[in-house]
C-alpha atoms as a PDB file:
ATOM      1  CA  MET A   1       0.000   0.000   0.000  1.00  0.00           C
ATOM      2  CA  LYS A   2       1.061   3.580  -0.583  1.00  0.00           C
ATOM      3  CA  VAL A   3      -0.280   7.110  -0.201  1.00  0.00           C
ATOM      4  CA  GLY A   4      -3.363   7.403  -2.418  1.00  0.00           C
ATOM      5  CA  THR A   5      -4.282   3.706  -2.173  1.00  0.00           C
ATOM      6  CA  LEU A   6      -7.979   3.014  -1.722  1.00  0.00           C
ATOM      7  CA  VAL A   7      -8.624   0.606   1.142  1.00  0.00           C
ATOM      8  CA  GLU A   8     -11.521  -1.079   2.917  1.00  0.00           C
ATOM      9  CA  CYS A   9     -11.631  -1.295   6.705  1.00  0.00           C
ATOM     10  CA  ILE A  10     -11.724  -4.949   7.777  1.00  0.00           C
ATOM     11  CA  ASP A  11     -11.272  -4.454  11.545  1.00  0.00           C
ATOM     12  CA  ASP A  12     -12.985  -1.671  13.489  1.00  0.00           C
ATOM     13  CA  ARG A  13     -12.591  -3.171  16.961  1.00  0.00           C
ATOM     14  CA  PHE A  14     -10.908  -0.789  19.423  1.00  0.00           C
ATOM     15  CA  ASN A  15     -10.157  -1.246  23.103  1.00  0.00           C
ATOM     16  CA  ALA A  16     -11.618   1.078  25.759  1.00  0.00           C
ATOM     17  CA  GLU A  17      -8.511   3.278  25.891  1.00  0.00           C
ATOM     18  CA  GLN A  18      -8.502   3.724  22.101  1.00  0.00           C
ATOM     19  CA  LEU A  19     -12.223   4.501  22.080  1.00  0.00           C
ATOM     20  CA  GLU A  20     -11.623   7.214  24.646  1.00  0.00           C
ATOM     21  CA  LYS A  21      -8.600   8.782  22.920  1.00  0.00           C
ATOM     22  CA  ILE A  22      -9.548   8.478  19.240  1.00  0.00           C
ATOM     23  CA  LEU A  23     -12.703  10.444  18.471  1.00  0.00           C
ATOM     24  CA  ASN A  24     -13.034   9.560  14.774  1.00  0.00           C
ATOM     25  CA  ARG A  25     -12.431   5.962  13.764  1.00  0.00           C
ATOM     26  CA  PRO A  26     -12.822   3.874  10.600  1.00  0.00           C
ATOM     27  CA  LYS A  27     -15.866   1.636  10.279  1.00  0.00           C
ATOM     28  CA  LYS A  28     -15.711  -1.936   9.020  1.00  0.00           C
ATOM     29  CA  GLY A  29     -16.789  -2.160   5.379  1.00  0.00           C
ATOM     30  CA  ASN A  30     -16.206   1.529   4.623  1.00  0.00           C
ATOM     31  CA  HIS A  31     -13.705   2.679   2.013  1.00  0.00           C
ATOM     32  CA  TYR A  32     -10.923   5.192   2.622  1.00  0.00           C
ATOM     33  CA  MET A  33      -7.899   6.703   0.894  1.00  0.00           C
ATOM     34  CA  ILE A  34      -4.492   6.607   2.581  1.00  0.00           C
ATOM     35  CA  ARG A  35      -3.113  10.137   3.080  1.00  0.00           C
ATOM     36  CA  GLU A  36       0.026   9.251   5.017  1.00  0.00           C
ATOM     37  CA  ILE A  37       1.963   6.162   6.078  1.00  0.00           C
ATOM     38  CA  ILE A  38       3.787   6.202   9.398  1.00  0.00           C
ATOM     39  CA  GLU A  39       6.425   3.574  10.115  1.00  0.00           C
ATOM     40  CA  LEU A  40       6.760   2.765  13.806  1.00  0.00           C
ATOM     41  CA  GLY A  41       9.564   0.223  13.869  1.00  0.00           C
ATOM     42  CA  HIS A  42       7.951  -3.108  13.024  1.00  0.00           C
ATOM     43  CA  LEU A  43       4.452  -1.561  12.995  1.00  0.00           C
ATOM     44  CA  VAL A  44       2.984   0.541  10.194  1.00  0.00           C
ATOM     45  CA  GLY A  45       0.197   3.049  10.737  1.00  0.00           C
ATOM     46  CA  VAL A  46      -1.895   5.040   8.280  1.00  0.00           C
ATOM     47  CA  LEU A  47      -3.752   8.305   8.285  1.00  0.00           C
ATOM     48  CA  LEU A  48      -6.857   8.469   6.106  1.00  0.00           C
ATOM     49  CA  GLU A  49      -8.162  11.311   3.908  1.00  0.00           C
ATOM     50  CA  GLU A  50     -11.682  10.895   5.260  1.00  0.00           C
ATOM     51  CA  ILE A  51     -10.792  10.778   8.960  1.00  0.00           C
ATOM     52  CA  HIS A  52      -9.048  13.490  10.957  1.00  0.00           C
ATOM     53  CA  ASN A  53      -8.451  13.555  14.706  1.00  0.00           C
ATOM     54  CA  PRO A  54      -7.015  16.093  17.135  1.00  0.00           C
ATOM     55  CA  ILE A  55      -3.306  15.679  17.789  1.00  0.00           C
ATOM     56  CA  THR A  56      -3.290  13.676  21.020  1.00  0.00           C
ATOM     57  CA  ALA A  57      -0.413  11.226  20.594  1.00  0.00           C
ATOM     58  CA  LYS A  58       3.374  11.576  20.618  1.00  0.00           C
ATOM     59  CA  LEU A  59       5.913   9.823  18.429  1.00  0.00           C
ATOM     60  CA  ASN A  60       9.488  10.237  19.632  1.00  0.00           C
ATOM     61  CA  GLY A  61       8.324  13.253  21.626  1.00  0.00           C
ATOM     62  CA  ILE A  62       6.669  14.897  18.603  1.00  0.00           C
ATOM     63  CA  PRO A  63       2.886  15.479  18.767  1.00  0.00           C
ATOM     64  CA  VAL A  64       1.083  13.504  16.058  1.00  0.00           C
ATOM     65  CA  GLU A  65      -2.423  12.644  14.989  1.00  0.00           C
ATOM     66  CA  PRO A  66      -3.480   9.145  16.090  1.00  0.00           C
ATOM     67  CA  ASN A  67      -3.003   6.657  13.255  1.00  0.00           C
ATOM     68  CA  PHE A  68      -4.500   3.263  12.467  1.00  0.00           C
ATOM     69  CA  ASN A  69      -2.631  -0.022  12.096  1.00  0.00           C
ATOM     70  CA  ILE A  70      -2.328  -0.803   8.397  1.00  0.00           C
ATOM     71  CA  GLU A  71      -3.494  -4.356   9.131  1.00  0.00           C
ATOM     72  CA  ARG A  72      -6.987  -2.986   9.817  1.00  0.00           C
ATOM     73  CA  PHE A  73      -7.354  -2.432   6.058  1.00  0.00           C
ATOM     74  CA  ARG A  74      -7.224  -4.306   2.784  1.00  0.00           C
ATOM     75  CA  GLU A  75      -6.384  -2.741  -0.532  1.00  0.00           C
ATOM     76  CA  ILE A  76      -9.305  -2.488  -2.932  1.00  0.00           C
ATOM     77  CA  GLU A  77      -8.164  -4.457  -5.974  1.00  0.00           C
ATOM     78  CA  GLY A  78      -8.874  -3.501  -9.571  1.00  0.00           C
ATOM     79  CA  LEU A  79      -9.655   0.163  -9.067  1.00  0.00           C
ATOM     80  CA  ASP A  80      -6.380   1.311 -10.631  1.00  0.00           C
ATOM     81  CA  ASP A  81      -7.298  -0.494 -13.858  1.00  0.00           C
ATOM     82  CA  LEU A  82     -10.829   0.951 -13.800  1.00  0.00           C
ATOM     83  CA  TYR A  83      -9.441   4.460 -13.191  1.00  0.00           C
ATOM     84  CA  ASP A  84      -7.006   4.097 -16.121  1.00  0.00           C
ATOM     85  CA  GLU A  85      -9.823   2.920 -18.391  1.00  0.00           C
ATOM     86  CA  LEU A  86     -12.056   5.842 -17.413  1.00  0.00           C
ATOM     87  CA  VAL A  87      -9.298   8.408 -17.949  1.00  0.00           C
ATOM     88  CA  GLU A  88      -8.473   6.913 -21.349  1.00  0.00           C
ATOM     89  CA  GLU A  89     -12.172   6.981 -22.294  1.00  0.00           C
ATOM     90  CA  VAL A  90     -12.525  10.654 -21.306  1.00  0.00           C
ATOM     91  CA  PHE A  91      -9.444  11.695 -23.294  1.00  0.00           C
ATOM     92  CA  THR A  92     -10.563   9.656 -26.302  1.00  0.00           C
ATOM     93  CA  GLU A  93     -13.997  11.349 -26.253  1.00  0.00           C
ATOM     94  CA  GLU A  94     -12.394  14.813 -26.014  1.00  0.00           C
ATOM     95  CA  LEU A  95     -10.249  14.128 -29.103  1.00  0.00           C
ATOM     96  CA  ILE A  96     -13.264  13.124 -31.220  1.00  0.00           C
END
């Protein structure tokens, strides 16, 4: 996955502490676009275009927006091909 990838949330279970600290959370089955990837050693977190939260966490002493484990999401397959086809179709129609 990379910035701009469309993903589907496959795990929206949060513990009590996370529920208290993270106001806006992804919902299972909903689609999102990755806006940033944050590497935390062996863990990888993502920020999503559709979800913003107040800066309440710290990473190496730097205030950051809470992020979501990348394993909570699956990439939506086939959309890149569909997007390419639609763009090609639009440009072809404009040239006619």
